[in-house]
Amino acid sequence: MKAVRNRFSASVAGLSPATIALILAIGLVLGVFPVYGCPTVLCMGAALVLRLNLPAVQIINQLVFPLQLALLVPLSRLGARILHGCLWLPARWSIAATVRDAVVGWLCLCVPLGIVLYFILAFALRRSANLGSGASAHS
């Protein structure tokens, strides 16, 4: 874990707190997208479009992989409730319906939480940077 932390720190060295917050939020939200294999492609696309550090985004994506698996069933149930109005599986269960429900659950829960997470992280990282630079200026 120390090697991962060091690699991530090297990837974000010199970046603004807002950019680091965006990398963390994008990597987390897209990393839990409930379709296996898609988070890597989505993270790569987002990093290229937003001009973010691709290795840093992919590190976060890989770290949250267990969370992707853990959230699959809850997101599918949330999506089913949103689309069908009940928590029970439909009479004809299918993988396509489960994936659709999970993606709907992800869109309704993870995307808004990711936006909130970005603002919280940006504030915390800016404050941390200001405290760090203020402490060294007074020494």
Protein backbone atom coordinates (compact mmCIF):
# COMPACT_ATOMS: atom_id res chain seq x y z
CA MET A 1 0.00 0.00 0.00
CA LYS A 2 2.94 2.30 0.67
CA ALA A 3 4.13 1.83 -2.91
CA VAL A 4 0.69 2.78 -4.24
CA ARG A 5 0.62 5.87 -2.01
CA ASN A 6 4.08 6.89 -3.20
CA ARG A 7 3.15 6.36 -6.85
CA PHE A 8 -0.06 8.38 -6.44
CA SER A 9 1.82 11.17 -4.62
CA ALA A 10 4.36 11.32 -7.44
CA SER A 11 1.53 11.43 -10.01
CA VAL A 12 -0.17 14.42 -8.40
CA ALA A 13 2.94 16.33 -7.32
CA GLY A 14 2.67 19.96 -8.32
CA LEU A 15 -1.04 19.82 -9.17
CA SER A 16 -3.56 22.23 -7.70
CA PRO A 17 -5.85 21.06 -4.88
CA ALA A 18 -8.87 21.38 -7.22
CA THR A 19 -7.21 19.11 -9.80
CA ILE A 20 -6.30 16.52 -7.17
CA ALA A 21 -9.88 16.62 -5.86
CA LEU A 22 -11.18 16.12 -9.41
CA ILE A 23 -8.83 13.17 -9.95
CA LEU A 24 -10.01 11.55 -6.71
CA ALA A 25 -13.72 12.18 -7.37
CA ILE A 26 -13.59 11.04 -11.01
CA GLY A 27 -11.55 7.94 -10.15
CA LEU A 28 -13.92 6.99 -7.35
CA VAL A 29 -17.21 7.64 -9.14
CA LEU A 30 -16.21 6.08 -12.44
CA GLY A 31 -14.32 3.29 -10.64
CA VAL A 32 -17.53 1.99 -9.08
CA PHE A 33 -19.47 1.98 -12.39
CA PRO A 34 -21.35 -1.33 -12.13
CA VAL A 35 -20.26 -2.93 -15.41
CA TYR A 36 -17.03 -4.95 -15.24
CA GLY A 37 -14.31 -3.51 -17.48
CA CYS A 38 -16.06 -0.22 -18.19
CA PRO A 39 -14.50 1.81 -15.34
CA THR A 40 -11.04 1.55 -16.88
CA VAL A 41 -12.28 2.85 -20.24
CA LEU A 42 -14.45 5.53 -18.60
CA CYS A 43 -11.57 6.72 -16.40
CA MET A 44 -9.25 6.86 -19.40
CA GLY A 45 -11.80 8.84 -21.40
CA ALA A 46 -12.46 11.25 -18.55
CA ALA A 47 -8.75 11.78 -17.94
CA LEU A 48 -8.15 12.54 -21.61
CA VAL A 49 -11.18 14.84 -22.00
CA LEU A 50 -10.55 16.70 -18.73
CA ARG A 51 -6.76 16.67 -19.24
CA LEU A 52 -6.14 14.94 -15.92
CA ASN A 53 -3.17 12.80 -14.97
CA LEU A 54 -4.16 9.39 -16.41
CA PRO A 55 -1.96 7.26 -14.11
CA ALA A 56 -3.38 9.00 -11.02
CA VAL A 57 -6.98 8.44 -12.16
CA GLN A 58 -6.25 4.79 -12.96
CA ILE A 59 -4.62 4.24 -9.56
CA ILE A 60 -7.81 5.43 -7.85
CA ASN A 61 -9.89 3.33 -10.27
CA GLN A 62 -7.93 0.20 -9.37
CA LEU A 63 -8.09 0.91 -5.64
CA VAL A 64 -11.89 1.13 -5.65
CA PHE A 65 -12.41 -2.12 -7.59
CA PRO A 66 -13.53 -4.01 -4.45
CA LEU A 67 -16.07 -1.25 -3.84
CA GLN A 68 -17.40 -1.77 -7.38
CA LEU A 69 -18.15 -5.40 -6.53
CA ALA A 70 -19.61 -4.54 -3.12
CA LEU A 71 -21.97 -1.93 -4.59
CA LEU A 72 -23.27 -4.07 -7.46
CA VAL A 73 -26.26 -5.54 -5.60
CA PRO A 74 -27.24 -2.37 -3.68
CA LEU A 75 -27.06 -0.26 -6.86
CA SER A 76 -29.09 -2.84 -8.75
CA ARG A 77 -31.75 -2.85 -6.05
CA LEU A 78 -31.84 0.94 -5.97
CA GLY A 79 -32.20 1.08 -9.75
CA ALA A 80 -34.93 -1.57 -9.67
CA ARG A 81 -36.79 0.42 -7.05
CA ILE A 82 -36.48 3.59 -9.12
CA LEU A 83 -37.54 1.92 -12.36
CA HIS A 84 -40.08 -0.58 -11.09
CA GLY A 85 -41.18 0.81 -7.73
CA CYS A 86 -40.30 -2.30 -5.72
CA LEU A 87 -37.27 -4.02 -4.22
CA TRP A 88 -38.19 -7.51 -5.43
CA LEU A 89 -36.77 -9.01 -8.56
CA PRO A 90 -39.13 -9.12 -11.53
CA ALA A 91 -40.70 -12.45 -12.45
CA ARG A 92 -38.24 -12.82 -15.34
CA TRP A 93 -34.74 -12.08 -14.09
CA SER A 94 -32.07 -11.30 -16.64
CA ILE A 95 -28.51 -10.06 -16.55
CA ALA A 96 -29.36 -7.20 -18.90
CA ALA A 97 -32.16 -5.98 -16.59
CA THR A 98 -29.88 -6.25 -13.56
CA VAL A 99 -27.12 -4.28 -15.30
CA ARG A 100 -29.64 -1.65 -16.44
CA ASP A 101 -30.96 -1.33 -12.89
CA ALA A 102 -27.43 -1.07 -11.48
CA VAL A 103 -26.48 1.66 -13.97
CA VAL A 104 -29.64 3.61 -13.09
CA GLY A 105 -28.82 3.22 -9.39
CA TRP A 106 -25.25 4.39 -10.07
CA LEU A 107 -26.47 7.44 -12.00
CA CYS A 108 -28.93 8.41 -9.28
CA LEU A 109 -26.63 7.85 -6.30
CA CYS A 110 -22.94 7.87 -7.22
CA VAL A 111 -22.88 10.78 -9.67
CA PRO A 112 -24.51 13.29 -7.25
CA LEU A 113 -22.37 12.00 -4.37
CA GLY A 114 -19.29 12.37 -6.58
CA ILE A 115 -20.10 16.02 -7.20
CA VAL A 116 -20.50 16.62 -3.47
CA LEU A 117 -17.28 14.67 -2.83
CA TYR A 118 -15.40 16.87 -5.30
CA PHE A 119 -16.38 20.07 -3.49
CA ILE A 120 -15.59 18.61 -0.07
CA LEU A 121 -12.19 17.33 -1.23
CA ALA A 122 -11.37 20.59 -3.02
CA PHE A 123 -12.18 22.58 0.12
CA ALA A 124 -10.23 20.21 2.39
CA LEU A 125 -7.19 20.08 0.10
CA ARG A 126 -7.14 23.87 -0.36
CA ARG A 127 -7.39 24.35 3.38
CA SER A 128 -4.63 21.79 3.95
CA ALA A 129 -2.41 23.50 1.37
CA ASN A 130 -3.06 26.90 2.94
CA LEU A 131 -2.28 25.61 6.43
CA GLY A 132 0.90 23.93 5.17
CA SER A 133 2.15 27.02 3.38
CA GLY A 134 1.15 29.27 6.28
CA ALA A 135 3.04 27.13 8.80
CA SER A 136 6.22 27.18 6.73
CA ALA A 137 5.94 30.96 6.16
CA HIS A 138 5.83 31.63 9.90
CA SER A 139 8.84 29.46 10.71
